[in-house]
């Protein structure tokens, strides 16, 4: 199951901070304004989204736990954080 994160405005890969005419920026803003099909709360920026229909990752995990999905099911895997302290990149 894939997880999508809508980047925060002004960050790498994210939409422009102010208004603009970029189609990509408008698409990301539109996605951030959509609502979770489980809880009804806006997705917003920086939130993990999964599934079809789209749900917050935490909502999908809650549904899977409630419905008794096996503990080995990928939906129970913790959302991966980004530990950038050990990342050194390609150059030394």
Protein backbone atom coordinates (compact mmCIF):
# COMPACT_ATOMS: atom_id res chain seq x y z
CA UNK A 1 0.00 0.00 0.00
CA UNK A 2 1.49 3.31 -0.98
CA UNK A 3 1.64 6.36 1.23
CA UNK A 4 1.58 9.89 -0.21
CA UNK A 5 2.70 13.01 1.61
CA UNK A 6 1.70 16.39 0.20
CA UNK A 7 4.77 18.59 0.74
CA UNK A 8 4.39 21.76 2.78
CA UNK A 9 4.39 25.03 0.78
CA UNK A 10 7.85 26.46 0.36
CA UNK A 11 9.66 23.14 0.93
CA UNK A 12 11.47 21.13 -1.73
CA UNK A 13 8.86 19.65 -4.07
CA UNK A 14 6.06 21.56 -2.37
CA UNK A 15 3.81 24.24 -3.80
CA UNK A 16 4.78 27.91 -3.87
CA UNK A 17 4.16 29.81 -0.62
CA UNK A 18 2.08 32.53 -2.25
CA UNK A 19 -0.43 32.46 -5.07
CA UNK A 20 0.89 31.34 -8.42
CA UNK A 21 -0.28 29.92 -11.75
CA UNK A 22 1.61 26.60 -11.59
CA UNK A 23 -0.70 23.65 -12.32
CA UNK A 24 1.36 21.43 -9.98
CA UNK A 25 0.91 23.88 -7.09
CA UNK A 26 -2.86 24.08 -7.65
CA UNK A 27 -3.10 20.27 -7.75
CA UNK A 28 -1.22 19.93 -4.45
CA UNK A 29 -3.34 22.62 -2.80
CA UNK A 30 -6.49 20.90 -4.06
CA UNK A 31 -5.30 17.55 -2.65
CA UNK A 32 -4.53 19.17 0.71
CA UNK A 33 -8.08 20.61 0.81
CA UNK A 34 -9.72 17.20 0.24
CA UNK A 35 -11.22 15.44 3.22
CA UNK A 36 -10.53 11.99 4.63
CA UNK A 37 -13.31 9.53 3.76
CA UNK A 38 -13.18 8.14 7.28
CA UNK A 39 -12.97 11.09 9.69
CA UNK A 40 -13.93 13.97 7.38
CA UNK A 41 -10.96 16.13 8.41
CA UNK A 42 -8.96 17.94 5.71
CA UNK A 43 -5.74 16.23 4.72
CA UNK A 44 -3.62 19.37 4.85
CA UNK A 45 0.08 19.51 4.08
CA UNK A 46 2.66 17.08 5.47
CA UNK A 47 0.04 14.46 6.36
CA UNK A 48 0.45 10.82 5.33
CA UNK A 49 -2.40 9.70 3.02
CA UNK A 50 -3.11 6.20 1.75
CA UNK A 51 -5.78 4.10 0.05
CA UNK A 52 -8.61 4.53 -2.37
CA UNK A 53 -10.75 6.32 -1.37
CA UNK A 54 -8.04 8.40 0.28
CA UNK A 55 -7.68 8.20 4.06
CA UNK A 56 -5.26 9.56 6.63
CA UNK A 57 -2.72 6.81 7.31
CA UNK A 58 -3.72 6.91 11.00
CA UNK A 59 -7.39 6.38 10.01
CA UNK A 60 -6.48 3.42 7.78
CA UNK A 61 -4.45 1.92 10.63
CA UNK A 62 -7.36 2.42 13.02
CA UNK A 63 -9.78 0.71 10.61
CA UNK A 64 -7.37 -2.20 10.08
CA UNK A 65 -6.93 -2.66 13.84
CA UNK A 66 -10.69 -2.50 14.44
CA UNK A 67 -11.40 -4.99 11.65
CA UNK A 68 -8.83 -7.41 13.01
CA UNK A 69 -6.27 -7.25 10.22
CA UNK A 70 -3.36 -9.55 11.08
CA UNK A 71 -0.50 -7.85 12.93
CA UNK A 72 1.79 -8.69 10.01
CA UNK A 73 -0.37 -6.70 7.59
CA UNK A 74 1.57 -3.72 6.15
CA UNK A 75 -1.01 -1.24 7.44
CA UNK A 76 0.22 -1.99 10.98
CA UNK A 77 3.81 -1.05 10.17
CA UNK A 78 4.72 2.22 11.86
CA UNK A 79 4.94 5.18 9.56
CA UNK A 80 8.60 5.63 8.68
CA UNK A 81 10.18 8.73 10.09
CA UNK A 82 13.08 10.47 8.46
CA UNK A 83 16.30 10.30 10.42
CA UNK A 84 18.50 12.68 8.50
CA UNK A 85 21.24 12.77 11.12
CA UNK A 86 22.91 9.65 9.74
CA UNK A 87 22.46 10.53 6.09
CA UNK A 88 25.73 11.59 4.48
CA UNK A 89 24.66 11.87 0.83
CA UNK A 90 26.75 10.81 -2.14
CA UNK A 91 29.70 13.07 -1.44
CA UNK A 92 32.19 12.85 1.39
